[in-house]
Amino acid sequence: MMKLQSLFTNQTEQLRVKISLVDLKKLLDDDHKKFHFNWLSENSFVISLNFSVGSNLVFDTNYPNTKSDIIFYGNLTEMEDFKTEIKLKTKKKSFLLVLMIVLPLLVLFFQSFLKIEFPVFLIALFLFPILIIGLLNFIKSEENRLLRVFMEFLNNRLNS
């Protein structure tokens, strides 16, 4: 049950880098990235995958300032000794939680009015939650890929 709950919650990451806030902002403005980057305000930004199978091909939805639905929102905070903290947070997945509850209820509702055969009804009832959990696992893996690409970018730039 705990693993299922973690699929719906926001993923948050805190990174500390040994570079001043001003220098980190210059580094992030570099155009040679394997992810999409956009400033939202002075110290906040959004990163997204340049391409994600689900959000680019299947759903064809994009949030403003992004290239896919796989998103981390970031905030930069200056710390002492020329260090900067980067806080990253994914967007909420509450819509999928609502679907996981509503779709089986719709099946129950239609079954009572349309008198759907029992095996078809049972398959549909359990199919929706399984598909949504599969989708959430895919989204989680894509978020982890974005985080990995972002961290590789930082490591490569900071160590060169």
N, C-alpha and C. Protein backbone atom coordinates (compact mmCIF):
# COMPACT_ATOMS: atom_id res chain seq x y z
N MET A 1 0.83 -1.19 0.00
CA MET A 1 0.00 0.00 0.00
C MET A 1 0.87 1.26 0.00
N MET A 2 2.01 1.21 0.73
CA MET A 2 2.88 2.37 0.79
C MET A 2 3.47 2.68 -0.58
N LYS A 3 3.83 1.66 -1.35
CA LYS A 3 4.38 1.88 -2.70
C LYS A 3 3.34 2.54 -3.59
N LEU A 4 2.09 2.13 -3.50
CA LEU A 4 1.02 2.72 -4.29
C LEU A 4 0.84 4.19 -3.94
N GLN A 5 0.88 4.51 -2.67
CA GLN A 5 0.73 5.90 -2.24
C GLN A 5 1.88 6.75 -2.77
N SER A 6 3.08 6.20 -2.81
CA SER A 6 4.23 6.98 -3.28
C SER A 6 4.12 7.31 -4.77
N LEU A 7 3.33 6.55 -5.53
CA LEU A 7 3.14 6.84 -6.95
C LEU A 7 2.33 8.12 -7.15
N PHE A 8 1.44 8.44 -6.21
CA PHE A 8 0.57 9.61 -6.33
C PHE A 8 1.18 10.88 -5.74
N THR A 9 2.12 10.73 -4.82
CA THR A 9 2.68 11.91 -4.15
C THR A 9 3.73 12.59 -5.02
N ASN A 10 3.96 13.86 -4.72
CA ASN A 10 4.98 14.62 -5.43
C ASN A 10 6.35 14.08 -5.06
N GLN A 11 7.20 13.98 -6.04
CA GLN A 11 8.59 13.62 -5.78
C GLN A 11 9.34 14.91 -5.50
N THR A 12 10.06 14.94 -4.39
CA THR A 12 10.84 16.13 -4.05
C THR A 12 12.30 15.73 -3.86
N GLU A 13 13.17 16.59 -4.31
CA GLU A 13 14.61 16.36 -4.19
C GLU A 13 15.25 17.66 -3.74
N GLN A 14 16.27 17.54 -2.89
CA GLN A 14 17.06 18.70 -2.47
C GLN A 14 18.51 18.41 -2.79
N LEU A 15 19.10 19.30 -3.56
CA LEU A 15 20.50 19.16 -3.95
C LEU A 15 21.26 20.37 -3.45
N ARG A 16 22.48 20.15 -3.01
CA ARG A 16 23.35 21.27 -2.64
C ARG A 16 24.59 21.19 -3.51
N VAL A 17 24.90 22.31 -4.11
CA VAL A 17 26.05 22.37 -5.00
C VAL A 17 27.03 23.43 -4.51
N LYS A 18 28.31 23.19 -4.76
CA LYS A 18 29.36 24.11 -4.32
C LYS A 18 29.63 25.12 -5.41
N ILE A 19 28.67 26.00 -5.59
CA ILE A 19 28.78 27.07 -6.57
C ILE A 19 27.83 28.18 -6.11
N SER A 20 28.22 29.41 -6.37
CA SER A 20 27.38 30.52 -5.93
C SER A 20 26.08 30.54 -6.75
N LEU A 21 25.08 31.19 -6.21
CA LEU A 21 23.79 31.31 -6.89
C LEU A 21 23.95 31.98 -8.25
N VAL A 22 24.72 33.04 -8.31
CA VAL A 22 24.92 33.78 -9.56
C VAL A 22 25.58 32.88 -10.61
N ASP A 23 26.62 32.15 -10.21
CA ASP A 23 27.32 31.27 -11.15
C ASP A 23 26.44 30.10 -11.58
N LEU A 24 25.63 29.57 -10.66
CA LEU A 24 24.72 28.47 -11.01
C LEU A 24 23.69 28.94 -12.03
N LYS A 25 23.18 30.13 -11.85
CA LYS A 25 22.20 30.67 -12.80
C LYS A 25 22.81 30.82 -14.19
N LYS A 26 24.07 31.25 -14.26
CA LYS A 26 24.75 31.33 -15.55
C LYS A 26 24.91 29.95 -16.16
N LEU A 27 25.28 28.99 -15.33
CA LEU A 27 25.45 27.62 -15.78
C LEU A 27 24.14 27.05 -16.33
N LEU A 28 23.04 27.35 -15.64
CA LEU A 28 21.73 26.84 -16.08
C LEU A 28 21.25 27.50 -17.37
N ASP A 29 21.78 28.66 -17.69
CA ASP A 29 21.41 29.34 -18.92
C ASP A 29 22.10 28.76 -20.16
N ASP A 30 23.01 27.82 -19.94
CA ASP A 30 23.69 27.15 -21.05
C ASP A 30 22.65 26.45 -21.93
N ASP A 31 22.76 26.63 -23.23
CA ASP A 31 21.78 26.05 -24.16
C ASP A 31 22.03 24.58 -24.48
N HIS A 32 23.16 24.03 -24.09
CA HIS A 32 23.50 22.65 -24.46
C HIS A 32 23.05 21.68 -23.37
N LYS A 33 21.76 21.52 -23.25
CA LYS A 33 21.19 20.63 -22.24
C LYS A 33 20.37 19.53 -22.92
N LYS A 34 20.25 18.39 -22.25
CA LYS A 34 19.44 17.29 -22.77
C LYS A 34 18.02 17.32 -22.21
N PHE A 35 17.63 18.45 -21.67
CA PHE A 35 16.29 18.65 -21.11
C PHE A 35 15.89 20.09 -21.43
N HIS A 36 14.61 20.36 -21.31
CA HIS A 36 14.10 21.71 -21.55
C HIS A 36 14.15 22.48 -20.24
N PHE A 37 14.59 23.73 -20.30
CA PHE A 37 14.74 24.57 -19.12
C PHE A 37 14.11 25.92 -19.39
N ASN A 38 13.38 26.45 -18.39
CA ASN A 38 12.79 27.77 -18.54
C ASN A 38 12.70 28.44 -17.16
N TRP A 39 13.15 29.70 -17.09
CA TRP A 39 13.02 30.45 -15.85
C TRP A 39 11.57 30.87 -15.67
N LEU A 40 11.06 30.74 -14.43
CA LEU A 40 9.71 31.20 -14.10
C LEU A 40 9.76 32.53 -13.34
N SER A 41 10.81 32.71 -12.57
CA SER A 41 11.02 33.97 -11.84
C SER A 41 12.52 34.08 -11.58
N GLU A 42 12.90 35.01 -10.73
CA GLU A 42 14.32 35.27 -10.46
C GLU A 42 15.07 34.01 -10.03
N ASN A 43 14.49 33.22 -9.12
CA ASN A 43 15.18 32.03 -8.61
C ASN A 43 14.36 30.75 -8.75
N SER A 44 13.34 30.75 -9.58
CA SER A 44 12.56 29.53 -9.79
C SER A 44 12.52 29.20 -11.28
N PHE A 45 12.43 27.92 -11.55
CA PHE A 45 12.48 27.46 -12.92
C PHE A 45 11.66 26.19 -13.07
N VAL A 46 11.49 25.76 -14.30
CA VAL A 46 10.83 24.50 -14.60
C VAL A 46 11.73 23.76 -15.58
N ILE A 47 11.88 22.44 -15.35
CA ILE A 47 12.57 21.59 -16.32
C ILE A 47 11.61 20.51 -16.76
N SER A 48 11.76 20.10 -18.00
CA SER A 48 10.94 19.01 -18.52
C SER A 48 11.77 18.21 -19.51
N LEU A 49 11.31 17.01 -19.77
CA LEU A 49 11.98 16.22 -20.79
C LEU A 49 11.74 16.87 -22.14
N ASN A 50 12.70 16.80 -23.01
CA ASN A 50 12.50 17.31 -24.37
C ASN A 50 11.47 16.47 -25.11
N PHE A 51 11.40 15.20 -24.76
CA PHE A 51 10.44 14.30 -25.40
C PHE A 51 10.06 13.21 -24.41
N SER A 52 8.77 12.94 -24.30
CA SER A 52 8.27 11.84 -23.49
C SER A 52 7.19 11.14 -24.30
N VAL A 53 7.30 9.84 -24.43
CA VAL A 53 6.36 9.07 -25.26
C VAL A 53 4.92 9.36 -24.88
N GLY A 54 4.61 9.32 -23.60
CA GLY A 54 3.24 9.52 -23.16
C GLY A 54 2.69 10.90 -23.42
N SER A 55 3.44 11.92 -23.02
CA SER A 55 2.89 13.27 -23.13
C SER A 55 3.04 13.86 -24.52
N ASN A 56 4.00 13.41 -25.31
CA ASN A 56 4.16 13.96 -26.65
C ASN A 56 3.37 13.19 -27.71
N LEU A 57 3.32 11.88 -27.60
CA LEU A 57 2.66 11.09 -28.63
C LEU A 57 1.24 10.66 -28.26
N VAL A 58 1.06 10.17 -27.05
CA VAL A 58 -0.23 9.62 -26.66
C VAL A 58 -1.22 10.72 -26.31
N PHE A 59 -0.87 11.59 -25.39
CA PHE A 59 -1.81 12.60 -24.91
C PHE A 59 -1.67 13.95 -25.61
N ASP A 60 -0.50 14.24 -26.16
CA ASP A 60 -0.23 15.50 -26.85
C ASP A 60 -0.64 16.70 -26.00
N THR A 61 -0.20 16.69 -24.75
CA THR A 61 -0.48 17.81 -23.85
C THR A 61 0.83 18.38 -23.35
N ASN A 62 0.88 19.66 -23.24
CA ASN A 62 2.06 20.33 -22.71
C ASN A 62 1.63 21.46 -21.78
N TYR A 63 2.37 21.60 -20.70
CA TYR A 63 2.15 22.71 -19.79
C TYR A 63 2.92 23.92 -20.32
N PRO A 64 2.52 25.13 -19.95
CA PRO A 64 3.26 26.32 -20.40
C PRO A 64 4.73 26.23 -19.98
N ASN A 65 5.61 26.70 -20.84
CA ASN A 65 7.05 26.75 -20.58
C ASN A 65 7.73 25.39 -20.54
N THR A 66 7.08 24.34 -21.06
CA THR A 66 7.65 23.00 -21.03
C THR A 66 7.53 22.36 -22.42
N LYS A 67 8.19 21.20 -22.56
CA LYS A 67 8.09 20.45 -23.80
C LYS A 67 7.39 19.11 -23.61
N SER A 68 7.13 18.72 -22.36
CA SER A 68 6.40 17.48 -22.08
C SER A 68 5.71 17.61 -20.73
N ASP A 69 4.97 16.60 -20.35
CA ASP A 69 4.29 16.63 -19.05
C ASP A 69 5.15 16.08 -17.92
N ILE A 70 6.34 15.66 -18.22
CA ILE A 70 7.27 15.19 -17.19
C ILE A 70 8.05 16.42 -16.73
N ILE A 71 7.69 16.91 -15.54
CA ILE A 71 8.11 18.23 -15.09
C ILE A 71 8.66 18.18 -13.65
N PHE A 72 9.71 18.95 -13.43
CA PHE A 72 10.15 19.30 -12.08
C PHE A 72 10.14 20.82 -12.00
N TYR A 73 9.57 21.36 -10.92
CA TYR A 73 9.66 22.78 -10.62
C TYR A 73 10.83 22.94 -9.66
N GLY A 74 11.68 23.94 -9.92
CA GLY A 74 12.86 24.12 -9.09
C GLY A 74 12.93 25.50 -8.48
N ASN A 75 13.53 25.55 -7.30
CA ASN A 75 13.81 26.82 -6.61
C ASN A 75 15.26 26.81 -6.15
N LEU A 76 15.91 27.95 -6.31
CA LEU A 76 17.30 28.10 -5.90
C LEU A 76 17.38 28.97 -4.66
N THR A 77 18.20 28.56 -3.69
CA THR A 77 18.40 29.33 -2.48
C THR A 77 19.90 29.44 -2.22
N GLU A 78 20.36 30.69 -2.06
CA GLU A 78 21.78 30.90 -1.78
C GLU A 78 22.08 30.55 -0.33
N MET A 79 23.20 29.87 -0.13
CA MET A 79 23.62 29.47 1.21
C MET A 79 25.00 30.07 1.47
N GLU A 80 25.53 29.84 2.67
CA GLU A 80 26.85 30.38 2.97
C GLU A 80 27.94 29.59 2.24
N ASP A 81 29.13 30.13 2.23
CA ASP A 81 30.32 29.51 1.62
C ASP A 81 30.13 29.20 0.14
N PHE A 82 29.49 30.10 -0.59
CA PHE A 82 29.30 29.96 -2.04
C PHE A 82 28.62 28.65 -2.42
N LYS A 83 27.65 28.25 -1.65
CA LYS A 83 26.86 27.06 -1.96
C LYS A 83 25.44 27.48 -2.31
N THR A 84 24.79 26.64 -3.09
CA THR A 84 23.41 26.90 -3.48
C THR A 84 22.59 25.63 -3.29
N GLU A 85 21.39 25.81 -2.76
CA GLU A 85 20.48 24.67 -2.61
C GLU A 85 19.48 24.71 -3.75
N ILE A 86 19.27 23.55 -4.35
CA ILE A 86 18.30 23.40 -5.43
C ILE A 86 17.19 22.49 -4.91
N LYS A 87 15.98 23.00 -4.85
CA LYS A 87 14.82 22.20 -4.44
C LYS A 87 14.01 21.90 -5.70
N LEU A 88 13.76 20.62 -5.94
CA LEU A 88 13.00 20.18 -7.10
C LEU A 88 11.75 19.46 -6.64
N LYS A 89 10.64 19.71 -7.33
CA LYS A 89 9.37 19.08 -6.96
C LYS A 89 8.57 18.80 -8.23
N THR A 90 8.00 17.59 -8.32
CA THR A 90 7.17 17.24 -9.47
C THR A 90 5.77 17.79 -9.28
N LYS A 91 5.01 17.77 -10.36
CA LYS A 91 3.62 18.22 -10.26
C LYS A 91 2.77 17.11 -9.64
N LYS A 92 1.61 17.49 -9.14
CA LYS A 92 0.71 16.54 -8.48
C LYS A 92 0.06 15.61 -9.50
N LYS A 93 -0.29 14.44 -9.03
CA LYS A 93 -0.94 13.44 -9.88
C LYS A 93 -2.34 13.11 -9.35
N SER A 94 -2.98 14.09 -8.75
CA SER A 94 -4.28 13.86 -8.13
C SER A 94 -5.35 13.52 -9.16
N PHE A 95 -5.22 14.01 -10.40
CA PHE A 95 -6.18 13.69 -11.44
C PHE A 95 -6.25 12.17 -11.68
N LEU A 96 -5.09 11.52 -11.67
CA LEU A 96 -5.06 10.07 -11.88
C LEU A 96 -5.65 9.33 -10.68
N LEU A 97 -5.49 9.87 -9.49
CA LEU A 97 -6.11 9.26 -8.31
C LEU A 97 -7.63 9.34 -8.42
N VAL A 98 -8.13 10.49 -8.86
CA VAL A 98 -9.58 10.66 -9.04
C VAL A 98 -10.08 9.66 -10.10
N LEU A 99 -9.34 9.54 -11.20
CA LEU A 99 -9.73 8.58 -12.24
C LEU A 99 -9.76 7.15 -11.71
N MET A 100 -8.79 6.82 -10.85
CA MET A 100 -8.72 5.47 -10.31
C MET A 100 -9.95 5.14 -9.47
N ILE A 101 -10.55 6.15 -8.87
CA ILE A 101 -11.75 5.95 -8.05
C ILE A 101 -13.02 6.09 -8.90
N VAL A 102 -13.05 7.09 -9.77
CA VAL A 102 -14.27 7.40 -10.54
C VAL A 102 -14.57 6.36 -11.62
N LEU A 103 -13.56 5.91 -12.34
CA LEU A 103 -13.81 4.97 -13.44
C LEU A 103 -14.46 3.66 -12.98
N PRO A 104 -13.99 3.02 -11.91
CA PRO A 104 -14.72 1.83 -11.44
C PRO A 104 -16.16 2.14 -10.98
N LEU A 105 -16.35 3.33 -10.40
CA LEU A 105 -17.71 3.71 -10.00
C LEU A 105 -18.61 3.90 -11.22
N LEU A 106 -18.05 4.46 -12.29
CA LEU A 106 -18.81 4.58 -13.54
C LEU A 106 -19.17 3.21 -14.10
N VAL A 107 -18.25 2.28 -14.02
CA VAL A 107 -18.53 0.92 -14.48
C VAL A 107 -19.67 0.32 -13.67
N LEU A 108 -19.63 0.51 -12.35
CA LEU A 108 -20.72 0.00 -11.50
C LEU A 108 -22.05 0.65 -11.86
N PHE A 109 -22.03 1.94 -12.10
CA PHE A 109 -23.23 2.68 -12.47
C PHE A 109 -23.82 2.15 -13.78
N PHE A 110 -22.97 2.04 -14.80
CA PHE A 110 -23.44 1.56 -16.10
C PHE A 110 -23.88 0.10 -16.05
N GLN A 111 -23.20 -0.68 -15.23
CA GLN A 111 -23.58 -2.09 -15.11
C GLN A 111 -24.99 -2.23 -14.54
N SER A 112 -25.33 -1.36 -13.61
CA SER A 112 -26.66 -1.47 -13.00
C SER A 112 -27.77 -1.05 -13.97
N PHE A 113 -27.47 -0.12 -14.90
CA PHE A 113 -28.49 0.32 -15.85
C PHE A 113 -28.48 -0.48 -17.15
N LEU A 114 -27.33 -0.88 -17.61
CA LEU A 114 -27.24 -1.56 -18.89
C LEU A 114 -27.22 -3.08 -18.78
N LYS A 115 -27.14 -3.58 -17.58
CA LYS A 115 -27.13 -5.03 -17.33
C LYS A 115 -26.03 -5.71 -18.16
N ILE A 116 -24.82 -5.20 -18.02
CA ILE A 116 -23.66 -5.77 -18.70
C ILE A 116 -23.39 -7.16 -18.11
N GLU A 117 -22.95 -8.08 -18.96
CA GLU A 117 -22.65 -9.43 -18.50
C GLU A 117 -21.58 -9.37 -17.42
N PHE A 118 -21.70 -10.27 -16.48
CA PHE A 118 -20.83 -10.25 -15.31
C PHE A 118 -19.33 -10.32 -15.65
N PRO A 119 -18.84 -11.23 -16.52
CA PRO A 119 -17.40 -11.28 -16.79
C PRO A 119 -16.88 -9.98 -17.42
N VAL A 120 -17.63 -9.39 -18.33
CA VAL A 120 -17.21 -8.13 -18.96
C VAL A 120 -17.15 -7.04 -17.90
N PHE A 121 -18.15 -7.00 -17.06
CA PHE A 121 -18.21 -6.01 -15.98
C PHE A 121 -17.01 -6.16 -15.03
N LEU A 122 -16.71 -7.39 -14.65
CA LEU A 122 -15.62 -7.65 -13.71
C LEU A 122 -14.26 -7.27 -14.32
N ILE A 123 -14.07 -7.59 -15.58
CA ILE A 123 -12.82 -7.24 -16.26
C ILE A 123 -12.66 -5.72 -16.30
N ALA A 124 -13.70 -5.02 -16.70
CA ALA A 124 -13.64 -3.55 -16.78
C ALA A 124 -13.41 -2.93 -15.41
N LEU A 125 -14.04 -3.49 -14.39
CA LEU A 125 -13.91 -2.96 -13.03
C LEU A 125 -12.46 -2.98 -12.54
N PHE A 126 -11.74 -4.05 -12.85
CA PHE A 126 -10.36 -4.18 -12.38
C PHE A 126 -9.33 -3.66 -13.38
N LEU A 127 -9.72 -3.48 -14.61
CA LEU A 127 -8.79 -3.03 -15.64
C LEU A 127 -8.37 -1.57 -15.43
N PHE A 128 -9.30 -0.70 -15.08
CA PHE A 128 -8.97 0.72 -14.91
C PHE A 128 -7.90 0.97 -13.86
N PRO A 129 -8.05 0.43 -12.63
CA PRO A 129 -6.99 0.68 -11.64
C PRO A 129 -5.63 0.11 -12.07
N ILE A 130 -5.64 -1.05 -12.71
CA ILE A 130 -4.37 -1.65 -13.15
C ILE A 130 -3.71 -0.76 -14.21
N LEU A 131 -4.50 -0.25 -15.15
CA LEU A 131 -3.95 0.63 -16.19
C LEU A 131 -3.41 1.93 -15.58
N ILE A 132 -4.12 2.49 -14.62
CA ILE A 132 -3.68 3.74 -14.00
C ILE A 132 -2.40 3.52 -13.19
N ILE A 133 -2.32 2.41 -12.48
CA ILE A 133 -1.09 2.10 -11.73
C ILE A 133 0.07 1.91 -12.70
N GLY A 134 -0.17 1.25 -13.82
CA GLY A 134 0.87 1.11 -14.84
C GLY A 134 1.31 2.46 -15.38
N LEU A 135 0.36 3.35 -15.63
CA LEU A 135 0.67 4.70 -16.11
C LEU A 135 1.48 5.47 -15.06
N LEU A 136 1.10 5.35 -13.80
CA LEU A 136 1.84 6.03 -12.74
C LEU A 136 3.27 5.52 -12.63
N ASN A 137 3.47 4.21 -12.79
CA ASN A 137 4.83 3.66 -12.77
C ASN A 137 5.65 4.21 -13.93
N PHE A 138 5.03 4.33 -15.10
CA PHE A 138 5.72 4.89 -16.25
C PHE A 138 6.08 6.35 -16.01
N ILE A 139 5.15 7.12 -15.47
CA ILE A 139 5.42 8.53 -15.17
C ILE A 139 6.56 8.65 -14.17
N LYS A 140 6.55 7.82 -13.15
CA LYS A 140 7.61 7.83 -12.13
C LYS A 140 8.97 7.53 -12.77
N SER A 141 9.02 6.57 -13.68
CA SER A 141 10.30 6.25 -14.34
C SER A 141 10.76 7.40 -15.22
N GLU A 142 9.83 8.09 -15.88
CA GLU A 142 10.19 9.24 -16.70
C GLU A 142 10.67 10.40 -15.83
N GLU A 143 10.04 10.60 -14.67
CA GLU A 143 10.51 11.64 -13.74
C GLU A 143 11.91 11.33 -13.25
N ASN A 144 12.17 10.06 -12.95
CA ASN A 144 13.51 9.66 -12.52
C ASN A 144 14.53 9.87 -13.63
N ARG A 145 14.12 9.65 -14.88
CA ARG A 145 15.01 9.89 -16.02
C ARG A 145 15.34 11.38 -16.12
N LEU A 146 14.33 12.25 -15.97
CA LEU A 146 14.56 13.69 -16.02
C LEU A 146 15.50 14.12 -14.90
N LEU A 147 15.28 13.63 -13.70
CA LEU A 147 16.14 13.96 -12.57
C LEU A 147 17.57 13.51 -12.84
N ARG A 148 17.74 12.31 -13.38
CA ARG A 148 19.06 11.79 -13.68
C ARG A 148 19.77 12.66 -14.74
N VAL A 149 19.04 13.06 -15.78
CA VAL A 149 19.62 13.91 -16.84
C VAL A 149 20.02 15.27 -16.26
N PHE A 150 19.19 15.83 -15.40
CA PHE A 150 19.49 17.12 -14.78
C PHE A 150 20.73 17.02 -13.90
N MET A 151 20.81 15.96 -13.09
CA MET A 151 21.96 15.79 -12.20
C MET A 151 23.24 15.52 -13.00
N GLU A 152 23.14 14.77 -14.09
CA GLU A 152 24.31 14.55 -14.95
C GLU A 152 24.79 15.87 -15.55
N PHE A 153 23.85 16.70 -15.98
CA PHE A 153 24.20 18.02 -16.50
C PHE A 153 24.97 18.82 -15.46
N LEU A 154 24.43 18.87 -14.25
CA LEU A 154 25.10 19.63 -13.18
C LEU A 154 26.48 19.05 -12.88
N ASN A 155 26.57 17.75 -12.74
CA ASN A 155 27.86 17.11 -12.43
C ASN A 155 28.88 17.38 -13.53
N ASN A 156 28.48 17.28 -14.78
CA ASN A 156 29.41 17.52 -15.89
C ASN A 156 29.89 18.96 -15.91
N ARG A 157 28.98 19.92 -15.67
CA ARG A 157 29.36 21.33 -15.71
C ARG A 157 30.19 21.72 -14.49
N LEU A 158 29.86 21.17 -13.34
CA LEU A 158 30.59 21.53 -12.11
C LEU A 158 31.96 20.88 -12.04
N ASN A 159 32.12 19.73 -12.67
CA ASN A 159 33.40 19.02 -12.60
C ASN A 159 34.31 19.32 -13.79
N SER A 160 33.88 20.20 -14.67
CA SER A 160 34.75 20.50 -15.82
C SER A 160 35.47 21.82 -15.66
